[in-house]
PDB file of N, CA and C in Angstrom:
ATOM      1  N   UNK A   1     182.779  79.526 -37.943  1.00  0.00           N
ATOM      2  CA  UNK A   1     184.081  79.603 -38.739  1.00  0.00           C
ATOM      3  C   UNK A   1     184.990  80.552 -38.075  1.00  0.00           C
ATOM      4  N   UNK A   2     186.381  80.323 -38.002  1.00  0.00           N
ATOM      5  CA  UNK A   2     187.250  81.014 -37.631  1.00  0.00           C
ATOM      6  C   UNK A   2     188.247  81.602 -38.760  1.00  0.00           C
ATOM      7  N   UNK A   3     188.802  82.766 -38.735  1.00  0.00           N
ATOM      8  CA  UNK A   3     189.433  83.404 -39.890  1.00  0.00           C
ATOM      9  C   UNK A   3     190.665  83.757 -38.941  1.00  0.00           C
ATOM     10  N   UNK A   4     191.767  83.767 -39.659  1.00  0.00           N
ATOM     11  CA  UNK A   4     193.116  84.382 -39.136  1.00  0.00           C
ATOM     12  C   UNK A   4     193.205  85.574 -39.525  1.00  0.00           C
ATOM     13  N   UNK A   5     194.187  86.293 -38.590  1.00  0.00           N
ATOM     14  CA  UNK A   5     194.503  87.667 -38.557  1.00  0.00           C
ATOM     15  C   UNK A   5     194.687  88.132 -40.253  1.00  0.00           C
ATOM     16  N   UNK A   6     195.443  87.482 -40.879  1.00  0.00           N
ATOM     17  CA  UNK A   6     195.604  87.813 -42.414  1.00  0.00           C
ATOM     18  C   UNK A   6     194.309  87.861 -43.121  1.00  0.00           C
ATOM     19  N   UNK A   7     193.388  86.938 -43.058  1.00  0.00           N
ATOM     20  CA  UNK A   7     192.097  86.718 -43.838  1.00  0.00           C
ATOM     21  C   UNK A   7     191.468  88.119 -43.508  1.00  0.00           C
ATOM     22  N   UNK A   8     191.425  88.467 -42.078  1.00  0.00           N
ATOM     23  CA  UNK A   8     190.629  89.848 -41.598  1.00  0.00           C
ATOM     24  C   UNK A   8     191.194  90.914 -41.985  1.00  0.00           C
ATOM     25  N   UNK A   9     192.429  91.132 -42.221  1.00  0.00           N
ATOM     26  CA  UNK A   9     193.186  92.214 -42.786  1.00  0.00           C
ATOM     27  C   UNK A   9     192.987  92.316 -44.376  1.00  0.00           C
ATOM     28  N   UNK A  10     193.042  91.254 -44.704  1.00  0.00           N
ATOM     29  CA  UNK A  10     192.684  91.309 -46.322  1.00  0.00           C
ATOM     30  C   UNK A  10     191.318  91.795 -46.600  1.00  0.00           C
ATOM     31  N   UNK A  11     190.493  91.241 -45.768  1.00  0.00           N
ATOM     32  CA  UNK A  11     189.089  91.628 -45.938  1.00  0.00           C
ATOM     33  C   UNK A  11     188.679  92.853 -45.609  1.00  0.00           C
ATOM     34  N   UNK A  12     189.113  93.523 -44.577  1.00  0.00           N
ATOM     35  CA  UNK A  12     189.439  94.933 -44.371  1.00  0.00           C
ATOM     36  C   UNK A  12     189.795  95.810 -45.669  1.00  0.00           C
ATOM     37  N   UNK A  13     190.959  95.554 -46.344  1.00  0.00           N
ATOM     38  CA  UNK A  13     191.418  96.187 -47.366  1.00  0.00           C
ATOM     39  C   UNK A  13     190.357  96.289 -48.436  1.00  0.00           C
ATOM     40  N   UNK A  14     189.706  94.780 -48.722  1.00  0.00           N
ATOM     41  CA  UNK A  14     189.039  94.965 -50.028  1.00  0.00           C
ATOM     42  C   UNK A  14     187.586  95.311 -49.580  1.00  0.00           C
ATOM     43  N   UNK A  15     187.150  95.597 -48.362  1.00  0.00           N
ATOM     44  CA  UNK A  15     185.791  96.316 -48.141  1.00  0.00           C
ATOM     45  C   UNK A  15     186.274  97.723 -48.302  1.00  0.00           C
ATOM     46  N   UNK A  16     187.543  98.229 -47.819  1.00  0.00           N
ATOM     47  CA  UNK A  16     187.742  99.600 -47.925  1.00  0.00           C
ATOM     48  C   UNK A  16     187.822  99.918 -49.231  1.00  0.00           C
ATOM     49  N   UNK A  17     188.403  99.209 -50.284  1.00  0.00           N
ATOM     50  CA  UNK A  17     188.436  99.479 -51.703  1.00  0.00           C
ATOM     51  C   UNK A  17     186.857  99.643 -52.319  1.00  0.00           C
ATOM     52  N   UNK A  18     186.089  98.519 -51.764  1.00  0.00           N
ATOM     53  CA  UNK A  18     184.823  98.368 -52.369  1.00  0.00           C
ATOM     54  C   UNK A  18     184.030  99.751 -51.744  1.00  0.00           C
ATOM     55  N   UNK A  19     184.261 100.121 -50.746  1.00  0.00           N
ATOM     56  CA  UNK A  19     183.256 101.270 -49.958  1.00  0.00           C
ATOM     57  C   UNK A  19     183.748 102.465 -51.077  1.00  0.00           C
ATOM     58  N   UNK A  20     184.971 102.342 -51.209  1.00  0.00           N
ATOM     59  CA  UNK A  20     185.202 103.844 -52.196  1.00  0.00           C
ATOM     60  C   UNK A  20     184.821 103.860 -53.500  1.00  0.00           C
ATOM     61  N   UNK A  21     184.856 102.425 -54.050  1.00  0.00           N
ATOM     62  CA  UNK A  21     184.196 102.309 -55.673  1.00  0.00           C
ATOM     63  C   UNK A  21     182.791 102.592 -55.370  1.00  0.00           C
ATOM     64  N   UNK A  22     182.099 101.916 -54.398  1.00  0.00           N
ATOM     65  CA  UNK A  22     180.498 102.369 -54.404  1.00  0.00           C
ATOM     66  C   UNK A  22     180.411 103.931 -54.094  1.00  0.00           C
ATOM     67  N   UNK A  23     181.104 104.646 -53.305  1.00  0.00           N
ATOM     68  CA  UNK A  23     181.014 105.801 -53.106  1.00  0.00           C
ATOM     69  C   UNK A  23     180.891 106.822 -54.373  1.00  0.00           C
ATOM     70  N   UNK A  24     182.010 106.559 -54.960  1.00  0.00           N
ATOM     71  CA  UNK A  24     182.447 107.045 -56.192  1.00  0.00           C
ATOM     72  C   UNK A  24     181.182 106.639 -57.334  1.00  0.00           C
ATOM     73  N   UNK A  25     180.564 105.591 -57.152  1.00  0.00           N
ATOM     74  CA  UNK A  25     179.595 105.304 -58.367  1.00  0.00           C
ATOM     75  C   UNK A  25     178.210 105.893 -57.867  1.00  0.00           C
ATOM     76  N   UNK A  26     178.092 106.130 -56.662  1.00  0.00           N
ATOM     77  CA  UNK A  26     176.770 106.656 -56.104  1.00  0.00           C
ATOM     78  C   UNK A  26     176.524 107.786 -56.556  1.00  0.00           C
ATOM     79  N   UNK A  27     177.776 108.739 -56.484  1.00  0.00           N
ATOM     80  CA  UNK A  27     177.743 110.125 -57.117  1.00  0.00           C
ATOM     81  C   UNK A  27     177.050 110.210 -58.525  1.00  0.00           C
ATOM     82  N   UNK A  28     177.283 109.232 -59.284  1.00  0.00           N
ATOM     83  CA  UNK A  28     176.728 109.138 -60.580  1.00  0.00           C
ATOM     84  C   UNK A  28     175.256 109.100 -60.895  1.00  0.00           C
ATOM     85  N   UNK A  29     174.523 108.790 -59.472  1.00  0.00           N
ATOM     86  CA  UNK A  29     173.119 108.718 -59.759  1.00  0.00           C
ATOM     87  C   UNK A  29     172.279 109.563 -58.745  1.00  0.00           C
ATOM     88  N   UNK A  30     171.212 110.248 -59.357  1.00  0.00           N
ATOM     89  CA  UNK A  30     170.381 111.184 -58.290  1.00  0.00           C
ATOM     90  C   UNK A  30     169.636 110.267 -57.221  1.00  0.00           C
ATOM     91  N   UNK A  31     169.965 111.116 -56.280  1.00  0.00           N
ATOM     92  CA  UNK A  31     169.291 110.570 -54.913  1.00  0.00           C
ATOM     93  C   UNK A  31     167.804 110.104 -55.289  1.00  0.00           C
ATOM     94  N   UNK A  32     167.345 109.094 -54.726  1.00  0.00           N
ATOM     95  CA  UNK A  32     166.107 108.710 -54.756  1.00  0.00           C
ATOM     96  C   UNK A  32     165.925 107.253 -56.133  1.00  0.00           C
ATOM     97  N   UNK A  33     166.861 107.456 -56.942  1.00  0.00           N
ATOM     98  CA  UNK A  33     166.945 106.468 -57.879  1.00  0.00           C
ATOM     99  C   UNK A  33     167.235 104.942 -57.165  1.00  0.00           C
ATOM    100  N   UNK A  34     166.870 103.783 -57.862  1.00  0.00           N
ATOM    101  CA  UNK A  34     167.363 102.517 -57.343  1.00  0.00           C
ATOM    102  C   UNK A  34     168.609 102.272 -57.104  1.00  0.00           C
ATOM    103  N   UNK A  35     169.348 102.790 -58.218  1.00  0.00           N
ATOM    104  CA  UNK A  35     170.707 102.400 -58.167  1.00  0.00           C
ATOM    105  C   UNK A  35     171.355 103.170 -57.208  1.00  0.00           C
ATOM    106  N   UNK A  36     170.831 104.562 -56.695  1.00  0.00           N
ATOM    107  CA  UNK A  36     171.567 105.235 -55.506  1.00  0.00           C
ATOM    108  C   UNK A  36     171.096 104.855 -54.308  1.00  0.00           C
ATOM    109  N   UNK A  37     170.179 103.912 -54.303  1.00  0.00           N
ATOM    110  CA  UNK A  37     169.530 103.434 -52.846  1.00  0.00           C
ATOM    111  C   UNK A  37     170.358 102.405 -52.852  1.00  0.00           C
ATOM    112  N   UNK A  38     170.543 101.431 -54.031  1.00  0.00           N
ATOM    113  CA  UNK A  38     171.138 100.303 -53.733  1.00  0.00           C
ATOM    114  C   UNK A  38     172.698 100.534 -53.140  1.00  0.00           C
ATOM    115  N   UNK A  39     173.138 101.651 -53.693  1.00  0.00           N
ATOM    116  CA  UNK A  39     174.748 101.526 -53.131  1.00  0.00           C
ATOM    117  C   UNK A  39     174.794 102.632 -51.876  1.00  0.00           C
ATOM    118  N   UNK A  40     173.758 103.022 -51.557  1.00  0.00           N
ATOM    119  CA  UNK A  40     173.698 103.722 -50.046  1.00  0.00           C
ATOM    120  C   UNK A  40     173.490 102.495 -49.127  1.00  0.00           C
ATOM    121  N   UNK A  41     172.581 101.338 -49.528  1.00  0.00           N
ATOM    122  CA  UNK A  41     172.508 100.269 -48.621  1.00  0.00           C
ATOM    123  C   UNK A  41     173.849  99.326 -48.533  1.00  0.00           C
ATOM    124  N   UNK A  42     174.515  99.602 -49.398  1.00  0.00           N
ATOM    125  CA  UNK A  42     175.438  98.624 -49.778  1.00  0.00           C
ATOM    126  C   UNK A  42     176.793  99.381 -48.933  1.00  0.00           C
ATOM    127  N   UNK A  43     176.720 100.510 -48.964  1.00  0.00           N
ATOM    128  CA  UNK A  43     177.895 101.338 -48.484  1.00  0.00           C
ATOM    129  C   UNK A  43     177.540 101.275 -46.949  1.00  0.00           C
ATOM    130  N   UNK A  44     176.472 101.319 -46.347  1.00  0.00           N
ATOM    131  CA  UNK A  44     176.231 101.031 -45.152  1.00  0.00           C
ATOM    132  C   UNK A  44     176.580  99.784 -44.504  1.00  0.00           C
ATOM    133  N   UNK A  45     176.140  98.537 -45.071  1.00  0.00           N
ATOM    134  CA  UNK A  45     176.334  97.609 -44.804  1.00  0.00           C
ATOM    135  C   UNK A  45     177.862  97.079 -44.861  1.00  0.00           C
ATOM    136  N   UNK A  46     178.675  97.625 -45.735  1.00  0.00           N
ATOM    137  CA  UNK A  46     180.008  97.480 -46.023  1.00  0.00           C
ATOM    138  C   UNK A  46     180.694  98.270 -44.582  1.00  0.00           C
ATOM    139  N   UNK A  47     180.292  99.302 -44.479  1.00  0.00           N
ATOM    140  CA  UNK A  47     180.731 100.172 -43.130  1.00  0.00           C
ATOM    141  C   UNK A  47     180.619  99.327 -41.922  1.00  0.00           C
ATOM    142  N   UNK A  48     179.178  98.654 -41.699  1.00  0.00           N
ATOM    143  CA  UNK A  48     179.138  97.742 -40.709  1.00  0.00           C
ATOM    144  C   UNK A  48     180.185  96.710 -40.279  1.00  0.00           C
ATOM    145  N   UNK A  49     180.160  96.135 -41.830  1.00  0.00           N
ATOM    146  CA  UNK A  49     181.095  95.006 -41.713  1.00  0.00           C
ATOM    147  C   UNK A  49     182.385  95.329 -41.354  1.00  0.00           C
ATOM    148  N   UNK A  50     183.329  96.607 -41.840  1.00  0.00           N
ATOM    149  CA  UNK A  50     184.440  96.818 -41.534  1.00  0.00           C
ATOM    150  C   UNK A  50     184.647  97.148 -40.187  1.00  0.00           C
ATOM    151  N   UNK A  51     183.704  97.839 -39.711  1.00  0.00           N
ATOM    152  CA  UNK A  51     183.626  98.058 -38.331  1.00  0.00           C
ATOM    153  C   UNK A  51     183.770  96.779 -37.366  1.00  0.00           C
ATOM    154  N   UNK A  52     182.842  95.623 -37.528  1.00  0.00           N
ATOM    155  CA  UNK A  52     182.896  94.520 -36.960  1.00  0.00           C
ATOM    156  C   UNK A  52     184.316  93.647 -36.980  1.00  0.00           C
ATOM    157  N   UNK A  53     185.030  93.942 -38.071  1.00  0.00           N
ATOM    158  CA  UNK A  53     186.045  93.023 -38.538  1.00  0.00           C
ATOM    159  C   UNK A  53     187.025  93.983 -37.860  1.00  0.00           C
ATOM    160  N   UNK A  54     187.176  95.186 -37.634  1.00  0.00           N
ATOM    161  CA  UNK A  54     188.120  96.097 -37.150  1.00  0.00           C
ATOM    162  C   UNK A  54     188.756  95.818 -35.686  1.00  0.00           C
ATOM    163  N   UNK A  55     189.460  95.564 -35.014  1.00  0.00           N
ATOM    164  CA  UNK A  55     189.866  95.109 -33.573  1.00  0.00           C
ATOM    165  C   UNK A  55     189.602  96.102 -32.886  1.00  0.00           C
ATOM    166  N   UNK A  56     189.526  97.510 -33.531  1.00  0.00           N
ATOM    167  CA  UNK A  56     189.373  98.786 -32.425  1.00  0.00           C
ATOM    168  C   UNK A  56     187.642  99.067 -32.471  1.00  0.00           C
ATOM    169  N   UNK A  57     186.940  97.949 -33.040  1.00  0.00           N
ATOM    170  CA  UNK A  57     185.443  98.116 -33.055  1.00  0.00           C
ATOM    171  C   UNK A  57     184.970  98.474 -31.510  1.00  0.00           C
ATOM    172  N   UNK A  58     184.440  99.812 -31.664  1.00  0.00           N
ATOM    173  CA  UNK A  58     183.804 100.201 -30.300  1.00  0.00           C
ATOM    174  C   UNK A  58     182.344 100.639 -30.638  1.00  0.00           C
ATOM    175  N   UNK A  59     182.025 100.775 -32.106  1.00  0.00           N
ATOM    176  CA  UNK A  59     180.455 100.905 -32.445  1.00  0.00           C
ATOM    177  C   UNK A  59     179.527  99.443 -31.949  1.00  0.00           C
ATOM    178  N   UNK A  60     178.430 100.027 -31.330  1.00  0.00           N
ATOM    179  CA  UNK A  60     177.522  98.994 -31.057  1.00  0.00           C
ATOM    180  C   UNK A  60     176.264  99.026 -32.133  1.00  0.00           C
ATOM    181  N   UNK A  61     176.000  97.995 -32.812  1.00  0.00           N
ATOM    182  CA  UNK A  61     174.875  98.168 -34.000  1.00  0.00           C
ATOM    183  C   UNK A  61     173.513  97.506 -33.247  1.00  0.00           C
ATOM    184  N   UNK A  62     172.724  98.175 -33.683  1.00  0.00           N
ATOM    185  CA  UNK A  62     171.133  97.555 -33.290  1.00  0.00           C
ATOM    186  C   UNK A  62     170.950  96.188 -33.943  1.00  0.00           C
ATOM    187  N   UNK A  63     169.925  95.395 -33.576  1.00  0.00           N
ATOM    188  CA  UNK A  63     169.807  94.214 -34.310  1.00  0.00           C
ATOM    189  C   UNK A  63     169.289  94.367 -35.737  1.00  0.00           C
ATOM    190  N   UNK A  64     168.319  95.443 -35.654  1.00  0.00           N
ATOM    191  CA  UNK A  64     167.924  95.815 -37.031  1.00  0.00           C
ATOM    192  C   UNK A  64     169.011  96.220 -37.738  1.00  0.00           C
ATOM    193  N   UNK A  65     169.971  96.963 -37.575  1.00  0.00           N
ATOM    194  CA  UNK A  65     171.003  97.597 -38.384  1.00  0.00           C
ATOM    195  C   UNK A  65     171.847  96.488 -39.040  1.00  0.00           C
ATOM    196  N   UNK A  66     171.950  95.347 -38.404  1.00  0.00           N
ATOM    197  CA  UNK A  66     172.869  94.246 -38.280  1.00  0.00           C
ATOM    198  C   UNK A  66     172.061  93.167 -39.599  1.00  0.00           C
ATOM    199  N   UNK A  67     170.762  93.178 -39.202  1.00  0.00           N
ATOM    200  CA  UNK A  67     169.786  92.483 -39.984  1.00  0.00           C
ATOM    201  C   UNK A  67     169.859  92.904 -41.518  1.00  0.00           C
ATOM    202  N   UNK A  68     169.580  94.342 -41.378  1.00  0.00           N
ATOM    203  CA  UNK A  68     169.417  95.181 -42.797  1.00  0.00           C
ATOM    204  C   UNK A  68     171.051  95.288 -43.479  1.00  0.00           C
ATOM    205  N   UNK A  69     171.895  94.979 -42.667  1.00  0.00           N
ATOM    206  CA  UNK A  69     173.282  94.485 -43.174  1.00  0.00           C
ATOM    207  C   UNK A  69     173.306  93.326 -44.230  1.00  0.00           C
ATOM    208  N   UNK A  70     172.816  92.583 -43.698  1.00  0.00           N
ATOM    209  CA  UNK A  70     172.857  91.011 -44.263  1.00  0.00           C
ATOM    210  C   UNK A  70     172.492  90.907 -45.836  1.00  0.00           C
ATOM    211  N   UNK A  71     171.340  91.399 -46.397  1.00  0.00           N
ATOM    212  CA  UNK A  71     171.175  91.336 -47.537  1.00  0.00           C
ATOM    213  C   UNK A  71     172.043  91.814 -48.776  1.00  0.00           C
ATOM    214  N   UNK A  72     172.440  93.051 -48.100  1.00  0.00           N
ATOM    215  CA  UNK A  72     173.560  93.534 -49.515  1.00  0.00           C
ATOM    216  C   UNK A  72     174.676  92.739 -49.586  1.00  0.00           C
ATOM    217  N   UNK A  73     175.200  92.312 -48.381  1.00  0.00           N
ATOM    218  CA  UNK A  73     176.247  91.546 -48.329  1.00  0.00           C
ATOM    219  C   UNK A  73     176.025  89.996 -48.989  1.00  0.00           C
ATOM    220  N   UNK A  74     175.031  89.772 -48.851  1.00  0.00           N
ATOM    221  CA  UNK A  74     174.599  88.210 -49.502  1.00  0.00           C
ATOM    222  C   UNK A  74     174.568  88.536 -51.331  1.00  0.00           C
ATOM    223  N   UNK A  75     173.807  89.662 -51.492  1.00  0.00           N
ATOM    224  CA  UNK A  75     173.721  90.200 -52.860  1.00  0.00           C
ATOM    225  C   UNK A  75     175.188  90.412 -53.449  1.00  0.00           C
ATOM    226  N   UNK A  76     176.098  91.146 -52.957  1.00  0.00           N
ATOM    227  CA  UNK A  76     177.321  90.862 -53.357  1.00  0.00           C
ATOM    228  C   UNK A  76     178.011  89.480 -53.614  1.00  0.00           C
ATOM    229  N   UNK A  77     177.830  88.733 -52.617  1.00  0.00           N
ATOM    230  CA  UNK A  77     178.357  87.270 -52.523  1.00  0.00           C
ATOM    231  C   UNK A  77     177.705  86.877 -54.185  1.00  0.00           C
ATOM    232  N   UNK A  78     176.230  86.712 -53.915  1.00  0.00           N
ATOM    233  CA  UNK A  78     175.619  86.165 -55.307  1.00  0.00           C
ATOM    234  C   UNK A  78     176.130  86.492 -56.473  1.00  0.00           C
ATOM    235  N   UNK A  79     176.122  87.926 -56.535  1.00  0.00           N
ATOM    236  CA  UNK A  79     176.369  88.559 -57.948  1.00  0.00           C
ATOM    237  C   UNK A  79     177.825  88.410 -58.278  1.00  0.00           C
ATOM    238  N   UNK A  80     178.911  88.258 -57.394  1.00  0.00           N
ATOM    239  CA  UNK A  80     180.042  88.257 -57.800  1.00  0.00           C
ATOM    240  C   UNK A  80     180.170  86.713 -58.007  1.00  0.00           C
ATOM    241  N   UNK A  81     179.618  85.933 -57.472  1.00  0.00           N
ATOM    242  CA  UNK A  81     179.906  84.515 -57.653  1.00  0.00           C
ATOM    243  C   UNK A  81     179.237  84.149 -59.230  1.00  0.00           C
ATOM    244  N   UNK A  82     178.005  84.656 -59.177  1.00  0.00           N
ATOM    245  CA  UNK A  82     177.657  84.507 -60.849  1.00  0.00           C
ATOM    246  C   UNK A  82     178.492  84.960 -61.632  1.00  0.00           C
ATOM    247  N   UNK A  83     179.190  86.236 -61.529  1.00  0.00           N
ATOM    248  CA  UNK A  83     180.094  86.642 -62.538  1.00  0.00           C
ATOM    249  C   UNK A  83     181.204  85.762 -62.562  1.00  0.00           C
ATOM    250  N   UNK A  84     181.738  85.510 -61.545  1.00  0.00           N
ATOM    251  CA  UNK A  84     183.033  84.669 -61.323  1.00  0.00           C
ATOM    252  C   UNK A  84     182.802  83.261 -62.345  1.00  0.00           C
ATOM    253  N   UNK A  85     181.495  82.607 -62.313  1.00  0.00           N
ATOM    254  CA  UNK A  85     181.143  81.598 -62.789  1.00  0.00           C
ATOM    255  C   UNK A  85     181.387  81.561 -64.282  1.00  0.00           C
ATOM    256  N   UNK A  86     181.361  82.703 -64.975  1.00  0.00           N
ATOM    257  CA  UNK A  86     181.383  82.922 -66.232  1.00  0.00           C
ATOM    258  C   UNK A  86     182.775  82.494 -67.111  1.00  0.00           C
ATOM    259  N   UNK A  87     183.873  82.563 -66.204  1.00  0.00           N
ATOM    260  CA  UNK A  87     185.046  82.268 -66.593  1.00  0.00           C
ATOM    261  C   UNK A  87     185.525  80.972 -66.075  1.00  0.00           C
ATOM    262  N   UNK A  88     186.711  80.820 -66.765  1.00  0.00           N
ATOM    263  CA  UNK A  88     187.565  79.355 -66.437  1.00  0.00           C
ATOM    264  C   UNK A  88     188.376  79.337 -65.066  1.00  0.00           C
ATOM    265  N   UNK A  89     187.997  78.325 -64.132  1.00  0.00           N
ATOM    266  CA  UNK A  89     188.795  78.435 -63.008  1.00  0.00           C
ATOM    267  C   UNK A  89     190.373  78.542 -63.152  1.00  0.00           C
ATOM    268  N   UNK A  90     190.717  79.350 -62.393  1.00  0.00           N
ATOM    269  CA  UNK A  90     192.159  79.450 -62.643  1.00  0.00           C
ATOM    270  C   UNK A  90     192.482  80.886 -63.512  1.00  0.00           C
ATOM    271  N   UNK A  91     191.634  81.219 -64.284  1.00  0.00           N
ATOM    272  CA  UNK A  91     191.979  82.404 -65.146  1.00  0.00           C
ATOM    273  C   UNK A  91     192.025  83.914 -64.439  1.00  0.00           C
ATOM    274  N   UNK A  92     192.767  84.811 -65.037  1.00  0.00           N
ATOM    275  CA  UNK A  92     193.040  85.904 -64.559  1.00  0.00           C
ATOM    276  C   UNK A  92     191.429  86.452 -64.149  1.00  0.00           C
ATOM    277  N   UNK A  93     190.543  86.571 -64.717  1.00  0.00           N
ATOM    278  CA  UNK A  93     189.145  86.795 -64.604  1.00  0.00           C
ATOM    279  C   UNK A  93     188.454  86.424 -63.294  1.00  0.00           C
ATOM    280  N   UNK A  94     188.861  84.799 -63.351  1.00  0.00           N
ATOM    281  CA  UNK A  94     188.076  84.133 -62.520  1.00  0.00           C
ATOM    282  C   UNK A  94     188.640  84.588 -61.014  1.00  0.00           C
ATOM    283  N   UNK A  95     190.027  84.704 -61.220  1.00  0.00           N
ATOM    284  CA  UNK A  95     190.768  84.908 -59.949  1.00  0.00           C
ATOM    285  C   UNK A  95     190.432  86.048 -59.269  1.00  0.00           C
ATOM    286  N   UNK A  96     189.935  87.288 -59.993  1.00  0.00           N
ATOM    287  CA  UNK A  96     190.144  88.603 -59.609  1.00  0.00           C
ATOM    288  C   UNK A  96     188.770  88.572 -58.686  1.00  0.00           C
ATOM    289  N   UNK A  97     187.853  87.957 -58.909  1.00  0.00           N
ATOM    290  CA  UNK A  97     186.690  88.022 -57.900  1.00  0.00           C
ATOM    291  C   UNK A  97     186.965  87.293 -56.474  1.00  0.00           C
ATOM    292  N   UNK A  98     188.002  86.439 -56.380  1.00  0.00           N
ATOM    293  CA  UNK A  98     188.136  85.700 -55.280  1.00  0.00           C
ATOM    294  C   UNK A  98     188.227  86.374 -53.887  1.00  0.00           C
ATOM    295  N   UNK A  99     189.057  87.737 -54.138  1.00  0.00           N
ATOM    296  CA  UNK A  99     189.261  88.434 -52.826  1.00  0.00           C
ATOM    297  C   UNK A  99     187.725  88.978 -52.031  1.00  0.00           C
ATOM    298  N   UNK A 100     187.027  89.302 -53.243  1.00  0.00           N
ATOM    299  CA  UNK A 100     185.759  90.263 -52.808  1.00  0.00           C
ATOM    300  C   UNK A 100     184.734  89.169 -52.048  1.00  0.00           C
ATOM    301  N   UNK A 101     184.587  88.009 -52.831  1.00  0.00           N
ATOM    302  CA  UNK A 101     184.088  86.844 -52.586  1.00  0.00           C
ATOM    303  C   UNK A 101     184.405  86.335 -51.007  1.00  0.00           C
ATOM    304  N   UNK A 102     185.469  86.264 -50.739  1.00  0.00           N
ATOM    305  CA  UNK A 102     186.249  85.775 -49.587  1.00  0.00           C
ATOM    306  C   UNK A 102     185.736  86.954 -48.188  1.00  0.00           C
ATOM    307  N   UNK A 103     186.203  88.146 -48.810  1.00  0.00           N
ATOM    308  CA  UNK A 103     185.817  89.429 -47.891  1.00  0.00           C
ATOM    309  C   UNK A 103     184.323  89.299 -47.451  1.00  0.00           C
ATOM    310  N   UNK A 104     183.274  89.050 -48.386  1.00  0.00           N
ATOM    311  CA  UNK A 104     181.939  89.112 -47.956  1.00  0.00           C
ATOM    312  C   UNK A 104     181.465  87.768 -47.241  1.00  0.00           C
ATOM    313  N   UNK A 105     182.050  86.818 -47.640  1.00  0.00           N
ATOM    314  CA  UNK A 105     181.831  85.594 -46.449  1.00  0.00           C
ATOM    315  C   UNK A 105     182.544  85.867 -45.236  1.00  0.00           C
ATOM    316  N   UNK A 106     183.367  86.477 -44.947  1.00  0.00           N
ATOM    317  CA  UNK A 106     183.838  86.671 -43.867  1.00  0.00           C
ATOM    318  C   UNK A 106     183.111  87.808 -43.188  1.00  0.00           C
ATOM    319  N   UNK A 107     182.460  88.744 -43.897  1.00  0.00           N
ATOM    320  CA  UNK A 107     181.741  89.816 -43.337  1.00  0.00           C
ATOM    321  C   UNK A 107     180.290  89.086 -42.721  1.00  0.00           C
ATOM    322  N   UNK A 108     179.712  88.370 -43.781  1.00  0.00           N
ATOM    323  CA  UNK A 108     178.450  87.639 -43.689  1.00  0.00           C
ATOM    324  C   UNK A 108     178.729  86.678 -42.028  1.00  0.00           C
ATOM    325  N   UNK A 109     179.756  86.343 -41.889  1.00  0.00           N
ATOM    326  CA  UNK A 109     179.828  85.558 -40.869  1.00  0.00           C
ATOM    327  C   UNK A 109     179.930  86.229 -39.611  1.00  0.00           C
ATOM    328  N   UNK A 110     180.751  87.323 -39.480  1.00  0.00           N
ATOM    329  CA  UNK A 110     180.862  88.519 -38.469  1.00  0.00           C
ATOM    330  C   UNK A 110     179.362  88.978 -38.100  1.00  0.00           C
ATOM    331  N   UNK A 111     178.497  89.387 -38.877  1.00  0.00           N
ATOM    332  CA  UNK A 111     177.260  90.165 -39.091  1.00  0.00           C
ATOM    333  C   UNK A 111     176.577  89.093 -38.375  1.00  0.00           C
ATOM    334  N   UNK A 112     176.180  87.741 -38.636  1.00  0.00           N
ATOM    335  CA  UNK A 112     175.707  86.651 -38.167  1.00  0.00           C
ATOM    336  C   UNK A 112     176.080  86.175 -36.588  1.00  0.00           C
ATOM    337  N   UNK A 113     177.252  86.355 -36.475  1.00  0.00           N
ATOM    338  CA  UNK A 113     177.980  86.150 -35.335  1.00  0.00           C
ATOM    339  C   UNK A 113     177.511  87.294 -34.118  1.00  0.00           C
ATOM    340  N   UNK A 114     177.744  88.345 -34.725  1.00  0.00           N
ATOM    341  CA  UNK A 114     176.990  89.554 -33.732  1.00  0.00           C
ATOM    342  C   UNK A 114     175.493  89.734 -33.639  1.00  0.00           C
ATOM    343  N   UNK A 115     174.790  88.777 -34.351  1.00  0.00           N
ATOM    344  CA  UNK A 115     173.220  88.789 -34.448  1.00  0.00           C
ATOM    345  C   UNK A 115     173.297  87.849 -33.315  1.00  0.00           C
ATOM    346  N   UNK A 116     173.819  86.601 -33.359  1.00  0.00           N
ATOM    347  CA  UNK A 116     173.502  85.284 -32.820  1.00  0.00           C
ATOM    348  C   UNK A 116     172.619  84.827 -33.357  1.00  0.00           C
ATOM    349  N   UNK A 117     172.405  83.449 -32.936  1.00  0.00           N
ATOM    350  CA  UNK A 117     171.402  82.471 -33.506  1.00  0.00           C
ATOM    351  C   UNK A 117     170.013  82.913 -33.574  1.00  0.00           C
ATOM    352  N   UNK A 118     169.768  83.481 -32.232  1.00  0.00           N
ATOM    353  CA  UNK A 118     168.476  83.712 -32.074  1.00  0.00           C
ATOM    354  C   UNK A 118     167.732  84.905 -32.963  1.00  0.00           C
ATOM    355  N   UNK A 119     168.553  85.620 -33.625  1.00  0.00           N
ATOM    356  CA  UNK A 119     168.236  86.874 -34.143  1.00  0.00           C
ATOM    357  C   UNK A 119     168.255  86.775 -35.788  1.00  0.00           C
ATOM    358  N   UNK A 120     168.831  85.681 -36.263  1.00  0.00           N
ATOM    359  CA  UNK A 120     168.727  85.189 -37.908  1.00  0.00           C
ATOM    360  C   UNK A 120     167.425  85.075 -38.529  1.00  0.00           C
TER     361      UNK A 120
END
């Protein structure tokens, strides 16, 4: 899948906002709780995604890091799509989920591309 520069820029913006929101929410939970761990894994996956999408990406990730980043991204897609399905297409509530869903699909594609077909 090919994405244009505007799609990538929008995805980076959405990911940055989502990272900030997750970090803010993470502070509300004690370390060791499932919610804290979920958000920690989500933030790590989103940071990997943001790095891969950035033109100045110089960080190299291990295949293990990349494989571990996929489930949180897929989870965000699943949960957001499910939440979106509760609203009428075209409504404000439905539309507000679109940028996040698009950003996560782009993130997933970039992680999978970085892993290559042999490592999925």
